[in-house]
Amino acid sequence: MNQEKLVNLIIGSLLHDVGKVIYRTGDGRKHSVSGADFLKNEAKLTDKEILNCVRYHHSDALKNAKIDENDNVYITYIADNIASASDRRANGEEFGFSVTLPSESVFNILNDNNQKYTYLPKMLEVEKGINYPQENSRKFDKPFYDEVARKIKENIEKREFSSEYVNSLLEVLEATCSYVPSSTNMSELSDISLFDHVKMTAAIATCIYHYLEYNNISNYKEELYNKTKDFYEKEVFCMYSMDISGIQDFIYTITSKEALKTLRSRSFYLEIMMEHIIDELCDRLEISRANVIYEGGGHCYILVPNTPKCRSNIETYEEELNEWLKIHFSTALYIGGGICQITSTLYNAVIFANLDIVSRSNHQFVPSYVKAGRDATVVYGAIDFKFKNNRTYPIKIEAVAKNGINKISILGIKEEKEYEIVIQSKVTSIIEQEIKYENDYSIPYGEEEVEQQGHNGCTSKTYIIKKDRWLKWQIFVQIVETSWI
């Protein structure tokens, strides 16, 4: 993989719409033209591929552009189209453009609201407080956009672009463009900020780049521009979710006198640890912080390339991370990834469909999202979940992930003999945790302090019961035994 080309793609995608800021300062040209000229003449940016991502990211400009067929701009072009498709939603009212249009609050339409709250023309500045949405709107005028352009220029000028610079550029754009509307089209809602749009464009572009690299596709023009509609149908990226299980017990199970101080320090520790975990995972997947859609409270969502290499790296990292957590925190903390949740959902669907299970492995610890004995895990290249279609005709598997809920359906033609499947799980024994005492001369004599809160393990039995669908007789019971230490 060409690391320099990838970095230039991310930076070019992050800067592709900088011309919108310049256009709103009074520059009457197309924002793609004014943006490229601003970066080249004002910010002294010289990299050709980055400038191309700004100058030619629209179809009309790209059509006759004399650029290489593997230029990054083709990736930025289609990534911008995908990101824009999620941004642009009609408001059913006015038409035309207004460069002074304020940014609207996303809560205006939440839960069927019909509000008109807008933000003030401000940047993220700690000393000026939080920019709460207001009922009385103020125009985003030329002086405001002049200041935004100046800030961006200062942070780009004479910088050496590298993978380390990407996160710095993200911070600059977040600080300057979080309240700048991405679109000033009065027929559309303006509740998507310019920062959110360019960040999503960069995330999608990164995934596309890895997809093309993995599939040895070097003619970007043919794949992404000439066959755009075909490319939209391909599964190029996926959403990965990660969750730290055991947070509540880890933070709040404190027996020392200075509980409040310990609670704060543990909470801060988990926050810093999650930041490190995300950074480490991004490095392994060769993506940037632009791909982190959400993080907070021990959870995160990351847009990742949909390639076997990426999935393998995720599974390997999860295993290594959980092994480290087991060594340092016993069973107090555990990382659960989105791929394993899908596997557990599929496992239960297969049971209800009465299909033959060939191979299934449980997690190292009891997961929080499913009952004991009803989970399944996969580790790419090592552990797999396998099942067999033992029915007369082919089956169809439908999977949907929406609003944090995974749903998998297995469809097929009814056979002469069908059964009602009942699943019953119960914990059969508790594996008591071991208590280890160590002398600590820094605390007063006679007092104890819990350094690490452990958890009991358990064993379980899951009964898979088949009943005659008409007579309701129980005709078969399969017992699945599982153990967690």
Protein backbone atom coordinates (compact mmCIF):
# COMPACT_ATOMS: atom_id res chain seq x y z
CA MET A 1 0.00 0.00 0.00
CA ASN A 2 1.17 3.52 -0.85
CA GLN A 3 1.03 5.31 2.52
CA GLU A 4 1.78 8.74 1.05
CA LYS A 5 -1.04 8.38 -1.49
CA LEU A 6 -3.48 7.38 1.26
CA VAL A 7 -2.49 10.34 3.46
CA ASN A 8 -2.90 12.72 0.51
CA LEU A 9 -6.33 11.22 -0.19
CA ILE A 10 -7.49 11.79 3.40
CA ILE A 11 -6.17 15.37 3.44
CA GLY A 12 -7.62 16.08 -0.01
CA SER A 13 -11.01 14.73 1.08
CA LEU A 14 -10.94 16.78 4.28
CA LEU A 15 -10.15 19.94 2.29
CA HIS A 16 -12.29 19.23 -0.78
CA ASP A 17 -15.02 21.69 0.24
CA VAL A 18 -12.83 24.44 1.74
CA GLY A 19 -13.94 26.54 -1.22
CA LYS A 20 -17.40 26.85 0.36
CA VAL A 21 -15.83 29.02 3.04
CA ILE A 22 -13.97 31.09 0.44
CA TYR A 23 -17.09 31.43 -1.75
CA ARG A 24 -19.03 32.82 1.23
CA THR A 25 -16.39 35.51 1.78
CA GLY A 26 -17.51 37.09 -1.49
CA ASP A 27 -15.61 35.06 -4.09
CA GLY A 28 -18.08 34.65 -6.93
CA ARG A 29 -16.51 31.60 -8.58
CA LYS A 30 -17.45 27.95 -8.13
CA HIS A 31 -16.33 26.77 -4.72
CA SER A 32 -14.16 24.02 -6.24
CA VAL A 33 -12.18 26.65 -8.18
CA SER A 34 -11.95 29.18 -5.35
CA GLY A 35 -10.95 26.42 -2.91
CA ALA A 36 -8.12 25.12 -5.08
CA ASP A 37 -6.82 28.65 -5.71
CA PHE A 38 -6.99 29.49 -1.99
CA LEU A 39 -4.95 26.42 -1.03
CA LYS A 40 -2.42 26.96 -3.80
CA ASN A 41 -1.94 30.73 -3.64
CA GLU A 42 -2.82 31.63 -0.05
CA ALA A 43 -1.96 28.51 1.95
CA LYS A 44 0.99 27.66 -0.36
CA LEU A 45 -0.08 24.04 -0.78
CA THR A 46 1.77 22.41 -3.68
CA ASP A 47 0.74 18.72 -3.68
CA LYS A 48 -0.99 18.08 -7.01
CA GLU A 49 -3.22 15.20 -5.90
CA ILE A 50 -4.54 17.16 -2.90
CA LEU A 51 -5.29 20.16 -5.12
CA ASN A 52 -6.99 17.90 -7.67
CA CYS A 53 -9.32 16.57 -4.95
CA VAL A 54 -10.45 20.15 -4.37
CA ARG A 55 -10.49 21.40 -7.97
CA TYR A 56 -12.16 18.45 -9.73
CA HIS A 57 -14.37 16.70 -7.14
CA HIS A 58 -17.54 17.55 -9.11
CA SER A 59 -18.60 15.56 -12.17
CA ASP A 60 -18.72 18.52 -14.57
CA ALA A 61 -15.13 19.51 -13.75
CA LEU A 62 -13.86 15.93 -13.68
CA LYS A 63 -15.37 15.05 -17.04
CA ASN A 64 -12.78 16.91 -19.13
CA ALA A 65 -9.94 17.08 -16.61
CA LYS A 66 -6.55 15.89 -17.86
CA ILE A 67 -5.53 13.77 -14.92
CA ASP A 68 -4.26 10.23 -14.39
CA GLU A 69 -6.79 7.39 -14.27
CA ASN A 70 -5.60 6.47 -10.75
CA ASP A 71 -5.75 10.01 -9.35
CA ASN A 72 -7.19 10.30 -5.83
CA VAL A 73 -9.81 12.76 -7.03
CA TYR A 74 -11.93 9.91 -8.42
CA ILE A 75 -12.18 8.47 -4.92
CA THR A 76 -12.98 11.87 -3.37
CA TYR A 77 -15.58 12.45 -6.09
CA ILE A 78 -17.61 9.32 -5.30
CA ALA A 79 -17.05 9.61 -1.52
CA ASP A 80 -18.41 13.17 -1.66
CA ASN A 81 -21.46 11.94 -3.58
CA ILE A 82 -22.17 9.25 -0.98
CA ALA A 83 -21.69 11.65 1.95
CA SER A 84 -23.80 14.34 0.27
CA ALA A 85 -26.65 11.91 -0.37
CA SER A 86 -27.06 11.48 3.40
CA ASP A 87 -26.81 15.26 3.99
CA ARG A 88 -29.37 16.60 1.58
CA ARG A 89 -32.93 16.42 2.86
CA ALA A 90 -35.63 18.76 1.61
CA ASN A 91 -37.38 21.15 4.01
CA GLY A 92 -40.25 21.74 1.60
CA GLU A 93 -40.16 25.51 1.89
CA GLU A 94 -37.85 28.08 0.27
CA PHE A 95 -35.69 27.69 -2.82
CA GLY A 96 -32.37 29.13 -3.95
CA PHE A 97 -29.09 29.71 -2.09
CA SER A 98 -28.14 32.10 0.66
CA VAL A 99 -24.47 32.48 1.65
CA THR A 100 -25.55 33.97 5.00
CA LEU A 101 -27.76 30.99 5.92
CA PRO A 102 -27.17 29.95 9.56
CA SER A 103 -26.58 26.39 10.73
CA GLU A 104 -29.68 24.71 12.18
CA SER A 105 -29.93 22.48 15.24
CA VAL A 106 -30.37 18.76 14.60
CA PHE A 107 -32.99 18.76 17.37
CA ASN A 108 -35.34 20.90 15.26
CA ILE A 109 -36.87 17.80 13.67
CA LEU A 110 -36.16 15.22 16.37
CA ASN A 111 -39.25 13.36 17.61
CA ASP A 112 -41.46 15.19 15.11
CA ASN A 113 -40.38 18.61 16.37
CA ASN A 114 -40.97 21.57 14.11
CA GLN A 115 -38.57 24.14 15.53
CA LYS A 116 -36.37 26.83 13.97
CA TYR A 117 -33.41 26.99 16.34
CA THR A 118 -30.11 28.07 14.76
CA TYR A 119 -26.52 28.51 15.91
CA LEU A 120 -24.63 31.76 16.22
CA PRO A 121 -21.74 32.37 13.79
CA LYS A 122 -18.99 31.15 16.11
CA MET A 123 -16.05 28.77 16.17
CA LEU A 124 -15.25 26.29 18.95
CA GLU A 125 -13.54 28.42 21.56
CA VAL A 126 -13.47 27.33 25.20
CA GLU A 127 -13.24 30.85 26.59
CA LYS A 128 -16.44 31.87 24.77
CA GLY A 129 -18.53 29.03 26.17
CA ILE A 130 -20.95 26.66 24.49
CA ASN A 131 -22.72 27.83 21.35
CA TYR A 132 -26.27 26.86 22.22
CA PRO A 133 -28.90 27.06 19.44
CA GLN A 134 -31.07 30.20 19.57
CA GLU A 135 -34.62 31.03 18.48
CA ASN A 136 -33.48 34.34 16.96
CA SER A 137 -31.19 33.59 14.04
CA ARG A 138 -28.17 35.64 13.00
CA LYS A 139 -26.69 35.73 9.52
CA PHE A 140 -23.30 34.12 8.88
CA ASP A 141 -21.71 37.19 7.32
CA LYS A 142 -18.48 37.87 5.40
CA PRO A 143 -16.34 38.86 8.45
CA PHE A 144 -17.12 35.51 10.08
CA TYR A 145 -16.11 33.53 6.99
CA ASP A 146 -13.00 35.71 6.58
CA GLU A 147 -11.91 34.69 10.08
CA VAL A 148 -12.62 30.99 9.40
CA ALA A 149 -10.54 31.17 6.20
CA ARG A 150 -7.69 32.89 8.07
CA LYS A 151 -7.62 30.21 10.76
CA ILE A 152 -7.57 27.40 8.19
CA LYS A 153 -4.81 29.12 6.20
CA GLU A 154 -2.63 29.56 9.32
CA ASN A 155 -2.84 25.87 10.12
CA ILE A 156 -2.14 24.63 6.59
CA GLU A 157 0.54 27.06 5.50
CA LYS A 158 4.06 25.62 5.43
CA ARG A 159 2.99 22.33 7.02
CA GLU A 160 4.57 19.02 6.11
CA PHE A 161 1.74 16.64 5.35
CA SER A 162 2.03 13.22 7.00
CA SER A 163 -0.17 10.65 8.77
CA GLU A 164 0.48 12.50 12.04
CA TYR A 165 -0.81 15.74 10.50
CA VAL A 166 -4.20 14.25 9.61
CA ASN A 167 -5.47 14.33 13.21
CA SER A 168 -4.17 17.89 13.59
CA LEU A 169 -6.08 18.95 10.48
CA LEU A 170 -9.21 17.26 11.83
CA GLU A 171 -8.94 19.32 15.01
CA VAL A 172 -8.54 22.54 13.03
CA LEU A 173 -11.58 21.81 10.86
CA GLU A 174 -13.63 20.79 13.89
CA ALA A 175 -12.73 24.05 15.66
CA THR A 176 -13.48 26.27 12.66
CA CYS A 177 -16.30 24.52 10.78
CA SER A 178 -18.48 22.77 13.38
CA TYR A 179 -21.15 25.50 13.07
CA VAL A 180 -20.63 26.26 9.39
CA PRO A 181 -23.49 24.76 7.34
CA SER A 182 -22.39 22.31 4.67
CA SER A 183 -25.16 23.43 2.33
CA THR A 184 -26.68 26.90 1.99
CA ASN A 185 -29.46 25.65 -0.28
CA MET A 186 -32.64 27.08 1.25
CA SER A 187 -34.70 24.14 -0.03
CA GLU A 188 -32.66 21.76 2.17
CA LEU A 189 -32.16 21.42 5.90
CA SER A 190 -28.92 23.04 7.01
CA ASP A 191 -28.32 20.94 10.15
CA ILE A 192 -25.23 19.15 8.80
CA SER A 193 -22.04 21.06 9.48
CA LEU A 194 -19.27 21.45 6.94
CA PHE A 195 -16.96 19.66 9.37
CA ASP A 196 -19.24 16.62 9.62
CA HIS A 197 -19.57 16.45 5.83
CA VAL A 198 -15.84 16.58 5.02
CA LYS A 199 -15.06 14.18 7.88
CA MET A 200 -17.56 11.65 6.53
CA THR A 201 -16.21 12.13 3.01
CA ALA A 202 -12.68 11.37 4.24
CA ALA A 203 -13.90 8.27 6.12
CA ILE A 204 -15.72 6.89 3.08
CA ALA A 205 -12.78 7.73 0.79
CA THR A 206 -10.39 5.82 3.07
CA CYS A 207 -12.59 2.71 2.97
CA ILE A 208 -12.88 2.91 -0.81
CA TYR A 209 -9.11 3.20 -1.16
CA HIS A 210 -8.54 0.02 0.90
CA TYR A 211 -11.26 -1.80 -1.03
CA LEU A 212 -9.65 -0.92 -4.35
CA GLU A 213 -6.19 -1.87 -3.06
CA TYR A 214 -7.37 -5.25 -1.76
CA ASN A 215 -9.10 -6.06 -5.07
CA ASN A 216 -6.12 -4.86 -7.17
CA ILE A 217 -8.17 -2.17 -8.92
CA SER A 218 -5.86 0.56 -10.20
CA ASN A 219 -8.04 2.25 -12.84
CA TYR A 220 -10.05 4.53 -10.56
CA LYS A 221 -11.63 6.41 -13.44
CA GLU A 222 -13.19 3.31 -14.96
CA GLU A 223 -14.33 1.82 -11.63
CA LEU A 224 -15.57 4.96 -9.88
CA TYR A 225 -16.44 7.48 -12.60
CA ASN A 226 -17.45 5.53 -15.69
CA LYS A 227 -19.26 2.83 -13.65
CA THR A 228 -20.50 4.93 -10.73
CA LYS A 229 -23.93 3.29 -10.50
CA ASP A 230 -22.40 -0.19 -10.45
CA PHE A 231 -20.00 0.82 -7.69
CA TYR A 232 -22.85 2.08 -5.50
CA GLU A 233 -24.15 -1.50 -5.34
CA LYS A 234 -20.89 -2.89 -3.94
CA GLU A 235 -20.40 -3.49 -0.21
CA VAL A 236 -17.28 -1.41 0.27
CA PHE A 237 -17.47 -0.46 3.95
CA CYS A 238 -19.19 -1.53 7.13
CA MET A 239 -19.85 -0.12 10.59
CA TYR A 240 -17.82 -1.66 13.40
CA SER A 241 -19.03 -1.24 16.98
CA MET A 242 -16.91 -1.77 20.08
CA ASP A 243 -18.03 -1.87 23.68
CA ILE A 244 -16.14 -2.16 26.97
CA SER A 245 -18.23 -4.48 29.15
CA GLY A 246 -18.00 -4.29 32.94
CA ILE A 247 -17.64 -0.50 33.22
CA GLN A 248 -20.26 -0.02 35.93
CA ASP A 249 -18.78 -2.62 38.28
CA PHE A 250 -15.24 -1.43 37.57
CA ILE A 251 -16.02 2.21 38.41
CA TYR A 252 -18.50 1.92 41.25
CA THR A 253 -17.30 -1.11 43.22
CA ILE A 254 -15.03 0.80 45.58
CA THR A 255 -14.57 0.14 49.30
CA SER A 256 -11.89 2.68 50.27
CA LYS A 257 -12.54 5.87 52.24
CA GLU A 258 -11.60 8.16 49.36
CA ALA A 259 -14.20 6.61 47.07
CA LEU A 260 -15.05 9.78 45.15
CA LYS A 261 -11.43 10.43 44.17
CA THR A 262 -11.01 6.78 43.11
CA LEU A 263 -14.26 6.89 41.13
CA ARG A 264 -13.08 9.93 39.18
CA SER A 265 -9.68 8.44 38.52
CA ARG A 266 -11.16 5.15 37.28
CA SER A 267 -13.59 6.95 35.03
CA PHE A 268 -10.76 9.06 33.61
CA TYR A 269 -8.60 5.95 33.22
CA LEU A 270 -11.30 4.20 31.16
CA GLU A 271 -11.73 7.28 28.97
CA ILE A 272 -8.00 7.48 28.25
CA MET A 273 -7.80 3.72 27.70
CA MET A 274 -10.65 3.87 25.16
CA GLU A 275 -8.87 6.68 23.32
CA HIS A 276 -5.71 4.57 23.17
CA ILE A 277 -7.64 1.50 22.00
CA ILE A 278 -9.23 3.48 19.16
CA ASP A 279 -5.88 4.98 18.11
CA GLU A 280 -4.22 1.57 18.13
CA LEU A 281 -7.03 0.01 16.09
CA CYS A 282 -6.97 2.87 13.58
CA ASP A 283 -3.21 2.38 13.14
CA ARG A 284 -3.65 -1.35 12.52
CA LEU A 285 -6.45 -0.79 10.01
CA GLU A 286 -4.53 2.07 8.35
CA ILE A 287 -7.39 4.50 8.77
CA SER A 288 -7.56 7.88 10.53
CA ARG A 289 -9.66 9.46 13.26
CA ALA A 290 -11.96 10.66 10.48
CA ASN A 291 -13.39 7.12 10.45
CA VAL A 292 -14.44 7.30 14.11
CA ILE A 293 -18.14 8.11 13.86
CA TYR A 294 -18.86 8.12 17.60
CA GLU A 295 -17.06 7.47 20.86
CA GLY A 296 -18.14 7.87 24.46
CA GLY A 297 -19.17 5.96 27.55
CA GLY A 298 -17.03 2.97 26.66
CA HIS A 299 -18.59 2.63 23.21
CA CYS A 300 -17.46 3.55 19.73
CA TYR A 301 -18.58 3.20 16.13
CA ILE A 302 -15.97 3.17 13.37
CA LEU A 303 -16.49 3.07 9.61
CA VAL A 304 -14.08 0.40 8.34
CA PRO A 305 -13.20 -1.14 4.94
CA ASN A 306 -15.21 -4.25 4.15
CA THR A 307 -12.26 -6.49 3.30
CA PRO A 308 -11.10 -9.84 4.73
CA LYS A 309 -7.82 -8.19 5.73
CA CYS A 310 -9.64 -5.58 7.79
CA ARG A 311 -11.90 -8.13 9.49
CA SER A 312 -8.89 -10.31 10.29
CA ASN A 313 -7.03 -7.38 11.85
CA ILE A 314 -10.06 -6.48 13.96
CA GLU A 315 -10.52 -10.02 15.26
CA THR A 316 -6.82 -10.39 16.03
CA TYR A 317 -6.77 -7.07 17.89
CA GLU A 318 -9.87 -7.98 19.90
CA GLU A 319 -8.27 -11.27 20.99
CA GLU A 320 -5.00 -9.57 21.96
CA LEU A 321 -6.82 -6.80 23.80
CA ASN A 322 -9.04 -9.15 25.78
CA GLU A 323 -6.02 -11.25 26.70
CA TRP A 324 -4.31 -8.10 28.03
CA LEU A 325 -7.46 -7.11 29.94
CA LYS A 326 -7.68 -10.58 31.46
CA ILE A 327 -4.08 -10.40 32.70
CA HIS A 328 -4.46 -6.93 34.23
CA PHE A 329 -8.13 -6.87 35.24
CA SER A 330 -9.11 -10.55 35.40
CA THR A 331 -12.75 -10.65 34.20
CA ALA A 332 -13.63 -7.10 35.32
CA LEU A 333 -13.35 -5.62 31.83
CA TYR A 334 -13.96 -7.18 28.43
CA ILE A 335 -14.10 -5.87 24.86
CA GLY A 336 -17.11 -6.87 22.79
CA GLY A 337 -16.99 -6.18 19.07
CA GLY A 338 -19.80 -5.77 16.57
CA ILE A 339 -18.76 -8.74 14.45
CA CYS A 340 -19.19 -11.15 17.38
CA GLN A 341 -22.65 -9.76 18.14
CA ILE A 342 -23.63 -10.56 14.56
CA THR A 343 -22.26 -14.09 15.00
CA SER A 344 -24.31 -14.64 18.16
CA THR A 345 -27.44 -13.37 16.42
CA LEU A 346 -26.82 -15.72 13.50
CA TYR A 347 -26.20 -18.63 15.90
CA ASN A 348 -29.62 -18.15 17.52
CA ALA A 349 -31.31 -17.77 14.12
CA VAL A 350 -29.73 -21.05 12.97
CA ILE A 351 -31.05 -22.83 16.08
CA PHE A 352 -34.59 -21.55 15.52
CA ALA A 353 -34.36 -22.59 11.85
CA ASN A 354 -33.46 -26.14 12.99
CA LEU A 355 -30.28 -26.26 10.91
CA ASP A 356 -27.29 -28.49 11.73
CA ILE A 357 -24.53 -26.70 13.62
CA VAL A 358 -21.10 -27.94 12.51
CA SER A 359 -18.81 -25.72 14.59
CA ARG A 360 -19.47 -23.16 17.34
CA SER A 361 -17.22 -21.59 19.98
CA ASN A 362 -18.27 -19.45 22.92
CA HIS A 363 -16.55 -16.27 24.12
CA GLN A 364 -13.88 -16.25 26.78
CA PHE A 365 -16.24 -14.33 29.09
CA VAL A 366 -20.02 -14.12 29.32
CA PRO A 367 -21.06 -11.32 26.90
CA SER A 368 -23.46 -8.65 28.11
CA TYR A 369 -25.74 -8.68 25.06
CA VAL A 370 -26.99 -12.29 25.16
CA LYS A 371 -27.84 -14.91 27.79
CA ALA A 372 -25.22 -17.39 28.98
CA GLY A 373 -24.95 -20.30 26.57
CA ARG A 374 -26.45 -18.50 23.59
CA ASP A 375 -23.36 -16.72 22.25
CA ALA A 376 -20.96 -17.56 19.44
CA THR A 377 -17.69 -15.99 18.41
CA VAL A 378 -15.41 -15.93 15.39
CA VAL A 379 -11.73 -15.15 14.95
CA TYR A 380 -10.85 -14.71 11.29
CA GLY A 381 -8.48 -17.46 10.18
CA ALA A 382 -8.70 -19.36 13.49
CA ILE A 383 -12.21 -19.82 14.91
CA ASP A 384 -15.30 -19.98 12.74
CA PHE A 385 -19.00 -20.53 13.19
CA LYS A 386 -20.20 -23.15 10.73
CA PHE A 387 -23.64 -24.59 10.05
CA LYS A 388 -25.17 -26.82 7.40
CA ASN A 389 -28.41 -26.53 5.44
CA ASN A 390 -30.02 -29.88 6.18
CA ARG A 391 -33.30 -28.94 4.52
CA THR A 392 -34.47 -30.19 1.13
CA TYR A 393 -34.32 -26.80 -0.57
CA PRO A 394 -31.94 -23.81 -0.49
CA ILE A 395 -32.36 -21.19 2.23
CA LYS A 396 -32.08 -17.40 2.18
CA ILE A 397 -30.41 -15.39 4.97
CA GLU A 398 -31.52 -11.79 5.48
CA ALA A 399 -29.62 -9.53 7.88
CA VAL A 400 -30.50 -6.00 8.97
CA ALA A 401 -28.71 -3.71 11.45
CA LYS A 402 -30.72 -0.61 12.39
CA ASN A 403 -30.86 1.68 15.42
CA GLY A 404 -28.41 -0.52 17.32
CA ILE A 405 -30.46 -3.71 16.75
CA ASN A 406 -29.28 -6.69 14.70
CA LYS A 407 -31.93 -8.85 13.05
CA ILE A 408 -31.19 -12.01 11.06
CA SER A 409 -33.90 -14.06 9.35
CA ILE A 410 -33.48 -17.46 7.71
CA LEU A 411 -36.12 -18.06 5.04
CA GLY A 412 -37.00 -21.24 3.17
CA ILE A 413 -39.74 -23.44 1.76
CA LYS A 414 -41.91 -25.27 4.31
CA GLU A 415 -41.35 -28.99 4.51
CA GLU A 416 -43.77 -31.78 5.35
CA LYS A 417 -42.45 -32.02 8.90
CA GLU A 418 -41.70 -28.78 10.73
CA TYR A 419 -40.89 -28.29 14.41
CA GLU A 420 -41.35 -25.58 16.99
CA ILE A 421 -37.98 -24.72 18.55
CA VAL A 422 -37.70 -23.65 22.18
CA ILE A 423 -34.40 -22.53 23.73
CA GLN A 424 -33.91 -22.67 27.49
CA SER A 425 -30.65 -21.61 29.14
CA LYS A 426 -29.62 -21.82 32.77
CA VAL A 427 -26.45 -21.31 34.76
CA THR A 428 -25.54 -24.67 36.33
CA SER A 429 -22.63 -23.66 38.56
CA ILE A 430 -20.61 -20.68 39.69
CA ILE A 431 -16.83 -20.70 39.46
CA GLU A 432 -15.79 -18.66 42.48
CA GLN A 433 -13.20 -16.00 41.84
CA GLU A 434 -9.90 -16.26 43.63
CA ILE A 435 -9.01 -13.53 46.12
CA LYS A 436 -5.38 -12.56 46.21
CA TYR A 437 -3.98 -10.41 49.03
CA GLU A 438 -0.83 -8.31 48.72
CA ASN A 439 0.83 -6.13 51.34
CA ASP A 440 0.68 -2.40 50.59
CA TYR A 441 2.53 -0.27 53.12
CA SER A 442 1.19 2.97 51.59
CA ILE A 443 -2.25 2.52 53.25
CA PRO A 444 -2.95 2.60 57.02
CA TYR A 445 -2.49 -0.63 59.02
CA GLY A 446 -5.66 -2.72 59.20
CA GLU A 447 -7.34 -1.18 56.17
CA GLU A 448 -7.99 -2.91 52.87
CA GLU A 449 -8.28 -1.46 49.41
CA VAL A 450 -9.66 -3.31 46.38
CA GLU A 451 -7.15 -2.84 43.58
CA GLN A 452 -9.08 -4.84 40.99
CA GLN A 453 -12.65 -6.06 41.24
CA GLY A 454 -12.95 -9.62 40.00
CA HIS A 455 -15.94 -11.58 38.75
CA ASN A 456 -17.12 -15.12 39.20
CA GLY A 457 -17.06 -17.48 36.27
CA CYS A 458 -19.84 -19.93 35.51
CA THR A 459 -20.96 -22.98 33.59
CA SER A 460 -24.28 -23.24 31.80
CA LYS A 461 -26.53 -25.65 29.97
CA THR A 462 -28.63 -24.64 26.99
CA TYR A 463 -31.54 -26.91 26.10
CA ILE A 464 -32.62 -26.85 22.45
CA ILE A 465 -36.09 -28.42 22.49
CA LYS A 466 -37.92 -29.58 19.37
CA LYS A 467 -41.70 -29.89 19.60
CA ASP A 468 -44.21 -31.24 17.15
CA ARG A 469 -45.79 -28.10 15.71
CA TRP A 470 -49.31 -29.57 15.83
CA LEU A 471 -49.36 -31.98 18.75
CA LYS A 472 -46.96 -29.88 20.87
CA TRP A 473 -45.18 -33.03 22.03
CA GLN A 474 -41.57 -32.73 23.02
CA ILE A 475 -39.73 -35.14 20.77
CA PHE A 476 -36.06 -34.17 21.08
CA VAL A 477 -33.79 -32.30 23.47
CA GLN A 478 -30.24 -31.22 22.62
CA ILE A 479 -28.03 -30.00 25.47
CA VAL A 480 -25.19 -27.53 24.83
CA GLU A 481 -22.78 -27.12 27.74
CA THR A 482 -20.66 -23.96 28.03
CA SER A 483 -18.04 -22.78 30.50
CA TRP A 484 -16.60 -19.33 31.24
CA ILE A 485 -13.70 -18.89 33.62
